[in-house]
Every structure is written in C-alpha cells, then in structure tokens.
Amino acid sequence: MDDLNREQKRQLKKMGALNDEGKAQRAPRQQPKKRQDRVGVRQYLSEVRDEMRKVAWPKRPEVKRYSIIVVITVVIYTALVGGLDYLFGLLGEWFYEQKS
C-alpha cells in the first residue's frame, strides 16, 4: 500500500478498504436485504389503478397526429428499403449477365 498517493489512500479510507493506520482491511459484509411480504391481488390491482390515474395520458388529437407521423415514416422507409432492394437486384442481375 506504500505505492498509493495521499488522495488514493484517502479515497480507500472513505470506502472502508483501509484502516486508520493505512493498512488494508476487509469491508464489513453487507447483510442481505429483508424481503417485503407480498401483497394480495386486490391490493395490487388497487395500487395499479391508483398509479394509472397519475399518468398524464395524451389527448386524442395528439395520439392521432403521432400515429399519422409513424405510419408515414414506416411507409417512407418501407419504400426506401424496397427501392434499394429492387435496384440491388437489377445490379446483381446485370453483374452476373456480364460475367457469363
């Protein structure tokens, strides 16, 4: 431990890896956390309902707008990938016709 500088020793002491004399020590073993008892189905569903009430749900126009944006984006990317697939197919056919 002599090869450590002052700052490293200070950090190790803070973490509990060194004692006051600067010697290595084992950190105390952490006790496993106590499991909480499970709740019943009725209480669980009640808590779920309470949490769902707290959610800031989007309004219908907002959902409609985002849905339209998603559908348009999917159509554009599908057309792009389909077009590239078609072009690479033509390119592959042309390439293999030239070789034979």
PDB file of N, CA and C in Angstrom:
ATOM      1  N   MET A   1       0.815  -1.195   0.000  1.00  0.00           N
ATOM      2  CA  MET A   1       0.000   0.000   0.000  1.00  0.00           C
ATOM      3  C   MET A   1       0.857   1.258   0.000  1.00  0.00           C
ATOM      4  N   ASP A   2       2.180   1.087   0.011  1.00  0.00           N
ATOM      5  CA  ASP A   2       3.055   2.257   0.017  1.00  0.00           C
ATOM      6  C   ASP A   2       3.094   2.963  -1.326  1.00  0.00           C
ATOM      7  N   ASP A   3       2.673   2.283  -2.394  1.00  0.00           N
ATOM      8  CA  ASP A   3       2.738   2.887  -3.714  1.00  0.00           C
ATOM      9  C   ASP A   3       1.523   3.768  -4.020  1.00  0.00           C
ATOM     10  N   LEU A   4       0.626   3.925  -3.066  1.00  0.00           N
ATOM     11  CA  LEU A   4      -0.549   4.771  -3.265  1.00  0.00           C
ATOM     12  C   LEU A   4      -0.235   6.201  -2.854  1.00  0.00           C
ATOM     13  N   ASN A   5      -0.789   7.155  -3.570  1.00  0.00           N
ATOM     14  CA  ASN A   5      -0.597   8.541  -3.158  1.00  0.00           C
ATOM     15  C   ASN A   5      -1.638   8.910  -2.099  1.00  0.00           C
ATOM     16  N   ARG A   6      -1.524  10.114  -1.583  1.00  0.00           N
ATOM     17  CA  ARG A   6      -2.388  10.561  -0.495  1.00  0.00           C
ATOM     18  C   ARG A   6      -3.865  10.526  -0.865  1.00  0.00           C
ATOM     19  N   GLU A   7      -4.171  10.970  -2.077  1.00  0.00           N
ATOM     20  CA  GLU A   7      -5.570  11.026  -2.497  1.00  0.00           C
ATOM     21  C   GLU A   7      -6.166   9.625  -2.616  1.00  0.00           C
ATOM     22  N   GLN A   8      -5.392   8.692  -3.162  1.00  0.00           N
ATOM     23  CA  GLN A   8      -5.871   7.319  -3.285  1.00  0.00           C
ATOM     24  C   GLN A   8      -6.112   6.705  -1.906  1.00  0.00           C
ATOM     25  N   LYS A   9      -5.188   6.960  -0.966  1.00  0.00           N
ATOM     26  CA  LYS A   9      -5.362   6.428   0.392  1.00  0.00           C
ATOM     27  C   LYS A   9      -6.608   7.019   1.050  1.00  0.00           C
ATOM     28  N   ARG A  10      -6.820   8.331   0.832  1.00  0.00           N
ATOM     29  CA  ARG A  10      -7.983   8.987   1.414  1.00  0.00           C
ATOM     30  C   ARG A  10      -9.276   8.372   0.866  1.00  0.00           C
ATOM     31  N   GLN A  11      -9.298   8.116  -0.440  1.00  0.00           N
ATOM     32  CA  GLN A  11     -10.483   7.503  -1.046  1.00  0.00           C
ATOM     33  C   GLN A  11     -10.701   6.087  -0.518  1.00  0.00           C
ATOM     34  N   LEU A  12      -9.625   5.323  -0.387  1.00  0.00           N
ATOM     35  CA  LEU A  12      -9.752   3.954   0.121  1.00  0.00           C
ATOM     36  C   LEU A  12     -10.223   3.950   1.577  1.00  0.00           C
ATOM     37  N   LYS A  13      -9.755   4.911   2.379  1.00  0.00           N
ATOM     38  CA  LYS A  13     -10.241   5.009   3.762  1.00  0.00           C
ATOM     39  C   LYS A  13     -11.727   5.331   3.781  1.00  0.00           C
ATOM     40  N   LYS A  14     -12.117   6.244   2.898  1.00  0.00           N
ATOM     41  CA  LYS A  14     -13.520   6.640   2.828  1.00  0.00           C
ATOM     42  C   LYS A  14     -14.402   5.451   2.450  1.00  0.00           C
ATOM     43  N   MET A  15     -13.902   4.586   1.557  1.00  0.00           N
ATOM     44  CA  MET A  15     -14.652   3.405   1.130  1.00  0.00           C
ATOM     45  C   MET A  15     -14.602   2.294   2.173  1.00  0.00           C
ATOM     46  N   GLY A  16     -13.684   2.398   3.135  1.00  0.00           N
ATOM     47  CA  GLY A  16     -13.581   1.370   4.160  1.00  0.00           C
ATOM     48  C   GLY A  16     -12.597   0.271   3.817  1.00  0.00           C
ATOM     49  N   ALA A  17     -11.753   0.475   2.792  1.00  0.00           N
ATOM     50  CA  ALA A  17     -10.788  -0.547   2.401  1.00  0.00           C
ATOM     51  C   ALA A  17      -9.485  -0.413   3.176  1.00  0.00           C
ATOM     52  N   LEU A  18      -9.247   0.748   3.826  1.00  0.00           N
ATOM     53  CA  LEU A  18      -8.053   0.956   4.644  1.00  0.00           C
ATOM     54  C   LEU A  18      -8.484   1.371   6.042  1.00  0.00           C
ATOM     55  N   ASN A  19      -7.703   0.941   7.041  1.00  0.00           N
ATOM     56  CA  ASN A  19      -7.993   1.380   8.403  1.00  0.00           C
ATOM     57  C   ASN A  19      -7.258   2.687   8.670  1.00  0.00           C
ATOM     58  N   ASP A  20      -7.293   3.180   9.917  1.00  0.00           N
ATOM     59  CA  ASP A  20      -6.673   4.460  10.249  1.00  0.00           C
ATOM     60  C   ASP A  20      -5.163   4.434  10.089  1.00  0.00           C
ATOM     61  N   GLU A  21      -4.553   3.263  10.212  1.00  0.00           N
ATOM     62  CA  GLU A  21      -3.098   3.148  10.074  1.00  0.00           C
ATOM     63  C   GLU A  21      -2.669   3.026   8.617  1.00  0.00           C
ATOM     64  N   GLY A  22      -3.612   2.934   7.695  1.00  0.00           N
ATOM     65  CA  GLY A  22      -3.285   2.811   6.287  1.00  0.00           C
ATOM     66  C   GLY A  22      -3.104   1.380   5.822  1.00  0.00           C
ATOM     67  N   LYS A  23      -3.486   0.428   6.643  1.00  0.00           N
ATOM     68  CA  LYS A  23      -3.365  -0.985   6.277  1.00  0.00           C
ATOM     69  C   LYS A  23      -4.682  -1.453   5.661  1.00  0.00           C
ATOM     70  N   ALA A  24      -4.548  -2.413   4.766  1.00  0.00           N
ATOM     71  CA  ALA A  24      -5.736  -2.938   4.094  1.00  0.00           C
ATOM     72  C   ALA A  24      -6.626  -3.671   5.079  1.00  0.00           C
ATOM     73  N   GLN A  25      -7.906  -3.498   4.927  1.00  0.00           N
ATOM     74  CA  GLN A  25      -8.854  -4.225   5.764  1.00  0.00           C
ATOM     75  C   GLN A  25     -10.041  -4.623   4.910  1.00  0.00           C
ATOM     76  N   ARG A  26     -10.674  -5.659   5.329  1.00  0.00           N
ATOM     77  CA  ARG A  26     -11.831  -6.149   4.590  1.00  0.00           C
ATOM     78  C   ARG A  26     -13.051  -5.333   5.006  1.00  0.00           C
ATOM     79  N   ALA A  27     -13.831  -4.952   4.019  1.00  0.00           N
ATOM     80  CA  ALA A  27     -15.049  -4.192   4.296  1.00  0.00           C
ATOM     81  C   ALA A  27     -16.047  -5.096   5.006  1.00  0.00           C
ATOM     82  N   PRO A  28     -16.852  -4.542   5.903  1.00  0.00           N
ATOM     83  CA  PRO A  28     -17.846  -5.379   6.582  1.00  0.00           C
ATOM     84  C   PRO A  28     -18.828  -5.968   5.580  1.00  0.00           C
ATOM     85  N   ARG A  29     -19.214  -7.188   5.846  1.00  0.00           N
ATOM     86  CA  ARG A  29     -20.121  -7.896   4.948  1.00  0.00           C
ATOM     87  C   ARG A  29     -21.505  -7.256   4.998  1.00  0.00           C
ATOM     88  N   GLN A  30     -22.065  -7.043   3.830  1.00  0.00           N
ATOM     89  CA  GLN A  30     -23.395  -6.453   3.772  1.00  0.00           C
ATOM     90  C   GLN A  30     -24.433  -7.528   4.039  1.00  0.00           C
ATOM     91  N   GLN A  31     -25.387  -7.171   4.861  1.00  0.00           N
ATOM     92  CA  GLN A  31     -26.467  -8.097   5.165  1.00  0.00           C
ATOM     93  C   GLN A  31     -27.465  -8.085   4.017  1.00  0.00           C
ATOM     94  N   PRO A  32     -27.977  -9.252   3.649  1.00  0.00           N
ATOM     95  CA  PRO A  32     -28.981  -9.261   2.579  1.00  0.00           C
ATOM     96  C   PRO A  32     -30.217  -8.480   3.012  1.00  0.00           C
ATOM     97  N   LYS A  33     -30.804  -7.797   2.052  1.00  0.00           N
ATOM     98  CA  LYS A  33     -31.992  -7.004   2.360  1.00  0.00           C
ATOM     99  C   LYS A  33     -33.162  -7.925   2.658  1.00  0.00           C
ATOM    100  N   LYS A  34     -33.943  -7.499   3.612  1.00  0.00           N
ATOM    101  CA  LYS A  34     -35.097  -8.280   4.014  1.00  0.00           C
ATOM    102  C   LYS A  34     -36.187  -8.151   2.954  1.00  0.00           C
ATOM    103  N   ARG A  35     -36.714  -9.288   2.520  1.00  0.00           N
ATOM    104  CA  ARG A  35     -37.788  -9.262   1.527  1.00  0.00           C
ATOM    105  C   ARG A  35     -39.082  -8.797   2.166  1.00  0.00           C
ATOM    106  N   GLN A  36     -39.739  -7.914   1.461  1.00  0.00           N
ATOM    107  CA  GLN A  36     -41.031  -7.468   1.967  1.00  0.00           C
ATOM    108  C   GLN A  36     -42.069  -8.526   1.628  1.00  0.00           C
ATOM    109  N   ASP A  37     -43.048  -8.611   2.481  1.00  0.00           N
ATOM    110  CA  ASP A  37     -44.118  -9.575   2.228  1.00  0.00           C
ATOM    111  C   ASP A  37     -44.886  -9.178   0.980  1.00  0.00           C
ATOM    112  N   ARG A  38     -45.352 -10.180   0.270  1.00  0.00           N
ATOM    113  CA  ARG A  38     -46.143  -9.913  -0.926  1.00  0.00           C
ATOM    114  C   ARG A  38     -47.518  -9.393  -0.527  1.00  0.00           C
ATOM    115  N   VAL A  39     -48.078  -8.600  -1.426  1.00  0.00           N
ATOM    116  CA  VAL A  39     -49.420  -8.080  -1.174  1.00  0.00           C
ATOM    117  C   VAL A  39     -50.418  -8.942  -1.933  1.00  0.00           C
ATOM    118  N   GLY A  40     -51.657  -8.838  -1.554  1.00  0.00           N
ATOM    119  CA  GLY A  40     -52.701  -9.608  -2.205  1.00  0.00           C
ATOM    120  C   GLY A  40     -53.065  -9.031  -3.563  1.00  0.00           C
ATOM    121  N   VAL A  41     -53.823  -9.806  -4.315  1.00  0.00           N
ATOM    122  CA  VAL A  41     -54.229  -9.406  -5.659  1.00  0.00           C
ATOM    123  C   VAL A  41     -55.072  -8.135  -5.606  1.00  0.00           C
ATOM    124  N   ARG A  42     -55.979  -8.060  -4.659  1.00  0.00           N
ATOM    125  CA  ARG A  42     -56.859  -6.893  -4.553  1.00  0.00           C
ATOM    126  C   ARG A  42     -56.051  -5.617  -4.294  1.00  0.00           C
ATOM    127  N   GLN A  43     -55.099  -5.689  -3.356  1.00  0.00           N
ATOM    128  CA  GLN A  43     -54.283  -4.512  -3.050  1.00  0.00           C
ATOM    129  C   GLN A  43     -53.400  -4.147  -4.247  1.00  0.00           C
ATOM    130  N   TYR A  44     -52.845  -5.160  -4.906  1.00  0.00           N
ATOM    131  CA  TYR A  44     -52.004  -4.914  -6.082  1.00  0.00           C
ATOM    132  C   TYR A  44     -52.795  -4.177  -7.161  1.00  0.00           C
ATOM    133  N   LEU A  45     -53.986  -4.680  -7.485  1.00  0.00           N
ATOM    134  CA  LEU A  45     -54.807  -4.046  -8.519  1.00  0.00           C
ATOM    135  C   LEU A  45     -55.230  -2.638  -8.110  1.00  0.00           C
ATOM    136  N   SER A  46     -55.482  -2.449  -6.827  1.00  0.00           N
ATOM    137  CA  SER A  46     -55.841  -1.123  -6.331  1.00  0.00           C
ATOM    138  C   SER A  46     -54.676  -0.150  -6.521  1.00  0.00           C
ATOM    139  N   GLU A  47     -53.460  -0.605  -6.214  1.00  0.00           N
ATOM    140  CA  GLU A  47     -52.288   0.248  -6.389  1.00  0.00           C
ATOM    141  C   GLU A  47     -52.024   0.525  -7.867  1.00  0.00           C
ATOM    142  N   VAL A  48     -52.242  -0.464  -8.710  1.00  0.00           N
ATOM    143  CA  VAL A  48     -52.070  -0.259 -10.150  1.00  0.00           C
ATOM    144  C   VAL A  48     -53.051   0.794 -10.635  1.00  0.00           C
ATOM    145  N   ARG A  49     -54.304   0.700 -10.212  1.00  0.00           N
ATOM    146  CA  ARG A  49     -55.316   1.668 -10.617  1.00  0.00           C
ATOM    147  C   ARG A  49     -54.933   3.076 -10.147  1.00  0.00           C
ATOM    148  N   ASP A  50     -54.448   3.187  -8.917  1.00  0.00           N
ATOM    149  CA  ASP A  50     -54.033   4.494  -8.405  1.00  0.00           C
ATOM    150  C   ASP A  50     -52.885   5.074  -9.228  1.00  0.00           C
ATOM    151  N   GLU A  51     -51.922   4.240  -9.582  1.00  0.00           N
ATOM    152  CA  GLU A  51     -50.789   4.718 -10.374  1.00  0.00           C
ATOM    153  C   GLU A  51     -51.223   5.105 -11.783  1.00  0.00           C
ATOM    154  N   MET A  52     -52.154   4.356 -12.351  1.00  0.00           N
ATOM    155  CA  MET A  52     -52.624   4.659 -13.705  1.00  0.00           C
ATOM    156  C   MET A  52     -53.378   5.987 -13.736  1.00  0.00           C
ATOM    157  N   ARG A  53     -53.993   6.359 -12.640  1.00  0.00           N
ATOM    158  CA  ARG A  53     -54.681   7.653 -12.571  1.00  0.00           C
ATOM    159  C   ARG A  53     -53.687   8.806 -12.589  1.00  0.00           C
ATOM    160  N   LYS A  54     -52.468   8.562 -12.115  1.00  0.00           N
ATOM    161  CA  LYS A  54     -51.455   9.611 -12.060  1.00  0.00           C
ATOM    162  C   LYS A  54     -50.800   9.868 -13.415  1.00  0.00           C
ATOM    163  N   VAL A  55     -50.974   8.949 -14.354  1.00  0.00           N
ATOM    164  CA  VAL A  55     -50.318   9.068 -15.655  1.00  0.00           C
ATOM    165  C   VAL A  55     -50.924  10.227 -16.437  1.00  0.00           C
ATOM    166  N   ALA A  56     -50.065  10.997 -17.094  1.00  0.00           N
ATOM    167  CA  ALA A  56     -50.530  12.092 -17.954  1.00  0.00           C
ATOM    168  C   ALA A  56     -50.795  11.507 -19.335  1.00  0.00           C
ATOM    169  N   TRP A  57     -52.025  11.063 -19.568  1.00  0.00           N
ATOM    170  CA  TRP A  57     -52.380  10.423 -20.827  1.00  0.00           C
ATOM    171  C   TRP A  57     -52.496  11.468 -21.921  1.00  0.00           C
ATOM    172  N   PRO A  58     -52.054  11.146 -23.151  1.00  0.00           N
ATOM    173  CA  PRO A  58     -52.181  12.109 -24.254  1.00  0.00           C
ATOM    174  C   PRO A  58     -53.637  12.230 -24.699  1.00  0.00           C
ATOM    175  N   LYS A  59     -53.959  13.389 -25.237  1.00  0.00           N
ATOM    176  CA  LYS A  59     -55.320  13.617 -25.746  1.00  0.00           C
ATOM    177  C   LYS A  59     -55.463  12.971 -27.122  1.00  0.00           C
ATOM    178  N   ARG A  60     -56.701  12.776 -27.559  1.00  0.00           N
ATOM    179  CA  ARG A  60     -56.978  12.096 -28.833  1.00  0.00           C
ATOM    180  C   ARG A  60     -56.293  12.765 -30.034  1.00  0.00           C
ATOM    181  N   PRO A  61     -56.322  14.105 -30.171  1.00  0.00           N
ATOM    182  CA  PRO A  61     -55.650  14.716 -31.332  1.00  0.00           C
ATOM    183  C   PRO A  61     -54.138  14.440 -31.350  1.00  0.00           C
ATOM    184  N   GLU A  62     -53.548  14.427 -30.167  1.00  0.00           N
ATOM    185  CA  GLU A  62     -52.116  14.161 -30.074  1.00  0.00           C
ATOM    186  C   GLU A  62     -51.799  12.725 -30.497  1.00  0.00           C
ATOM    187  N   VAL A  63     -52.605  11.775 -30.049  1.00  0.00           N
ATOM    188  CA  VAL A  63     -52.411  10.373 -30.435  1.00  0.00           C
ATOM    189  C   VAL A  63     -52.601  10.218 -31.938  1.00  0.00           C
ATOM    190  N   LYS A  64     -53.614  10.876 -32.481  1.00  0.00           N
ATOM    191  CA  LYS A  64     -53.893  10.795 -33.918  1.00  0.00           C
ATOM    192  C   LYS A  64     -52.717  11.353 -34.724  1.00  0.00           C
ATOM    193  N   ARG A  65     -52.205  12.505 -34.304  1.00  0.00           N
ATOM    194  CA  ARG A  65     -51.091  13.142 -35.009  1.00  0.00           C
ATOM    195  C   ARG A  65     -49.850  12.251 -34.980  1.00  0.00           C
ATOM    196  N   TYR A  66     -49.512  11.720 -33.818  1.00  0.00           N
ATOM    197  CA  TYR A  66     -48.330  10.856 -33.712  1.00  0.00           C
ATOM    198  C   TYR A  66     -48.518   9.559 -34.490  1.00  0.00           C
ATOM    199  N   SER A  67     -49.725   9.030 -34.505  1.00  0.00           N
ATOM    200  CA  SER A  67     -49.988   7.806 -35.267  1.00  0.00           C
ATOM    201  C   SER A  67     -49.799   8.046 -36.756  1.00  0.00           C
ATOM    202  N   ILE A  68     -50.285   9.179 -37.242  1.00  0.00           N
ATOM    203  CA  ILE A  68     -50.118   9.515 -38.660  1.00  0.00           C
ATOM    204  C   ILE A  68     -48.634   9.668 -38.996  1.00  0.00           C
ATOM    205  N   ILE A  69     -47.899  10.328 -38.126  1.00  0.00           N
ATOM    206  CA  ILE A  69     -46.459  10.502 -38.352  1.00  0.00           C
ATOM    207  C   ILE A  69     -45.760   9.149 -38.413  1.00  0.00           C
ATOM    208  N   VAL A  70     -46.112   8.241 -37.521  1.00  0.00           N
ATOM    209  CA  VAL A  70     -45.488   6.915 -37.504  1.00  0.00           C
ATOM    210  C   VAL A  70     -45.822   6.151 -38.774  1.00  0.00           C
ATOM    211  N   VAL A  71     -47.080   6.175 -39.195  1.00  0.00           N
ATOM    212  CA  VAL A  71     -47.483   5.444 -40.406  1.00  0.00           C
ATOM    213  C   VAL A  71     -46.761   6.005 -41.630  1.00  0.00           C
ATOM    214  N   ILE A  72     -46.689   7.329 -41.752  1.00  0.00           N
ATOM    215  CA  ILE A  72     -45.993   7.943 -42.889  1.00  0.00           C
ATOM    216  C   ILE A  72     -44.511   7.567 -42.879  1.00  0.00           C
ATOM    217  N   THR A  73     -43.891   7.606 -41.718  1.00  0.00           N
ATOM    218  CA  THR A  73     -42.477   7.240 -41.606  1.00  0.00           C
ATOM    219  C   THR A  73     -42.253   5.789 -41.997  1.00  0.00           C
ATOM    220  N   VAL A  74     -43.123   4.894 -41.553  1.00  0.00           N
ATOM    221  CA  VAL A  74     -42.994   3.476 -41.904  1.00  0.00           C
ATOM    222  C   VAL A  74     -43.153   3.282 -43.406  1.00  0.00           C
ATOM    223  N   VAL A  75     -44.113   3.966 -44.018  1.00  0.00           N
ATOM    224  CA  VAL A  75     -44.317   3.846 -45.468  1.00  0.00           C
ATOM    225  C   VAL A  75     -43.090   4.348 -46.222  1.00  0.00           C
ATOM    226  N   ILE A  76     -42.537   5.480 -45.808  1.00  0.00           N
ATOM    227  CA  ILE A  76     -41.359   6.039 -46.485  1.00  0.00           C
ATOM    228  C   ILE A  76     -40.173   5.085 -46.383  1.00  0.00           C
ATOM    229  N   TYR A  77     -39.895   4.590 -45.178  1.00  0.00           N
ATOM    230  CA  TYR A  77     -38.754   3.686 -45.015  1.00  0.00           C
ATOM    231  C   TYR A  77     -38.983   2.356 -45.725  1.00  0.00           C
ATOM    232  N   THR A  78     -40.213   1.884 -45.761  1.00  0.00           N
ATOM    233  CA  THR A  78     -40.511   0.650 -46.489  1.00  0.00           C
ATOM    234  C   THR A  78     -40.264   0.851 -47.978  1.00  0.00           C
ATOM    235  N   ALA A  79     -40.707   1.982 -48.523  1.00  0.00           N
ATOM    236  CA  ALA A  79     -40.472   2.279 -49.938  1.00  0.00           C
ATOM    237  C   ALA A  79     -38.977   2.413 -50.216  1.00  0.00           C
ATOM    238  N   LEU A  80     -38.259   3.042 -49.312  1.00  0.00           N
ATOM    239  CA  LEU A  80     -36.815   3.210 -49.481  1.00  0.00           C
ATOM    240  C   LEU A  80     -36.100   1.860 -49.507  1.00  0.00           C
ATOM    241  N   VAL A  81     -36.395   1.010 -48.543  1.00  0.00           N
ATOM    242  CA  VAL A  81     -35.761  -0.310 -48.485  1.00  0.00           C
ATOM    243  C   VAL A  81     -36.182  -1.154 -49.682  1.00  0.00           C
ATOM    244  N   GLY A  82     -37.457  -1.102 -50.061  1.00  0.00           N
ATOM    245  CA  GLY A  82     -37.928  -1.843 -51.231  1.00  0.00           C
ATOM    246  C   GLY A  82     -37.254  -1.364 -52.502  1.00  0.00           C
ATOM    247  N   GLY A  83     -37.109  -0.050 -52.658  1.00  0.00           N
ATOM    248  CA  GLY A  83     -36.437   0.511 -53.826  1.00  0.00           C
ATOM    249  C   GLY A  83     -34.976   0.098 -53.895  1.00  0.00           C
ATOM    250  N   LEU A  84     -34.292   0.159 -52.760  1.00  0.00           N
ATOM    251  CA  LEU A  84     -32.894  -0.276 -52.734  1.00  0.00           C
ATOM    252  C   LEU A  84     -32.773  -1.761 -53.058  1.00  0.00           C
ATOM    253  N   ASP A  85     -33.681  -2.561 -52.539  1.00  0.00           N
ATOM    254  CA  ASP A  85     -33.673  -3.998 -52.825  1.00  0.00           C
ATOM    255  C   ASP A  85     -33.854  -4.234 -54.321  1.00  0.00           C
ATOM    256  N   TYR A  86     -34.779  -3.519 -54.922  1.00  0.00           N
ATOM    257  CA  TYR A  86     -35.028  -3.666 -56.363  1.00  0.00           C
ATOM    258  C   TYR A  86     -33.792  -3.253 -57.168  1.00  0.00           C
ATOM    259  N   LEU A  87     -33.189  -2.106 -56.814  1.00  0.00           N
ATOM    260  CA  LEU A  87     -32.005  -1.635 -57.537  1.00  0.00           C
ATOM    261  C   LEU A  87     -30.829  -2.593 -57.391  1.00  0.00           C
ATOM    262  N   PHE A  88     -30.599  -3.094 -56.184  1.00  0.00           N
ATOM    263  CA  PHE A  88     -29.504  -4.052 -55.996  1.00  0.00           C
ATOM    264  C   PHE A  88     -29.788  -5.355 -56.731  1.00  0.00           C
ATOM    265  N   GLY A  89     -31.061  -5.726 -56.832  1.00  0.00           N
ATOM    266  CA  GLY A  89     -31.425  -6.913 -57.611  1.00  0.00           C
ATOM    267  C   GLY A  89     -31.094  -6.725 -59.078  1.00  0.00           C
ATOM    268  N   LEU A  90     -31.458  -5.550 -59.631  1.00  0.00           N
ATOM    269  CA  LEU A  90     -31.116  -5.252 -61.026  1.00  0.00           C
ATOM    270  C   LEU A  90     -29.604  -5.218 -61.230  1.00  0.00           C
ATOM    271  N   LEU A  91     -28.909  -4.614 -60.290  1.00  0.00           N
ATOM    272  CA  LEU A  91     -27.454  -4.533 -60.370  1.00  0.00           C
ATOM    273  C   LEU A  91     -26.828  -5.928 -60.331  1.00  0.00           C
ATOM    274  N   GLY A  92     -27.342  -6.788 -59.476  1.00  0.00           N
ATOM    275  CA  GLY A  92     -26.832  -8.158 -59.388  1.00  0.00           C
ATOM    276  C   GLY A  92     -27.087  -8.937 -60.665  1.00  0.00           C
ATOM    277  N   GLU A  93     -28.286  -8.794 -61.217  1.00  0.00           N
ATOM    278  CA  GLU A  93     -28.591  -9.481 -62.484  1.00  0.00           C
ATOM    279  C   GLU A  93     -27.673  -8.991 -63.597  1.00  0.00           C
ATOM    280  N   TRP A  94     -27.490  -7.665 -63.677  1.00  0.00           N
ATOM    281  CA  TRP A  94     -26.609  -7.107 -64.706  1.00  0.00           C
ATOM    282  C   TRP A  94     -25.183  -7.606 -64.528  1.00  0.00           C
ATOM    283  N   PHE A  95     -24.707  -7.650 -63.278  1.00  0.00           N
ATOM    284  CA  PHE A  95     -23.339  -8.074 -62.992  1.00  0.00           C
ATOM    285  C   PHE A  95     -23.124  -9.526 -63.400  1.00  0.00           C
ATOM    286  N   TYR A  96     -24.076 -10.399 -63.066  1.00  0.00           N
ATOM    287  CA  TYR A  96     -23.900 -11.820 -63.383  1.00  0.00           C
ATOM    288  C   TYR A  96     -24.117 -12.106 -64.867  1.00  0.00           C
ATOM    289  N   GLU A  97     -24.905 -11.287 -65.567  1.00  0.00           N
ATOM    290  CA  GLU A  97     -25.054 -11.455 -67.016  1.00  0.00           C
ATOM    291  C   GLU A  97     -23.770 -11.065 -67.732  1.00  0.00           C
ATOM    292  N   GLN A  98     -23.064 -10.065 -67.217  1.00  0.00           N
ATOM    293  CA  GLN A  98     -21.814  -9.609 -67.827  1.00  0.00           C
ATOM    294  C   GLN A  98     -20.701 -10.638 -67.664  1.00  0.00           C
ATOM    295  N   LYS A  99     -20.715 -11.396 -66.562  1.00  0.00           N
ATOM    296  CA  LYS A  99     -19.663 -12.382 -66.301  1.00  0.00           C
ATOM    297  C   LYS A  99     -19.769 -13.588 -67.223  1.00  0.00           C
ATOM    298  N   SER A 100     -20.966 -14.005 -67.612  1.00  0.00           N
ATOM    299  CA  SER A 100     -21.096 -15.241 -68.394  1.00  0.00           C
ATOM    300  C   SER A 100     -21.018 -15.041 -69.866  1.00  0.00           C
TER     301      SER A 100
END
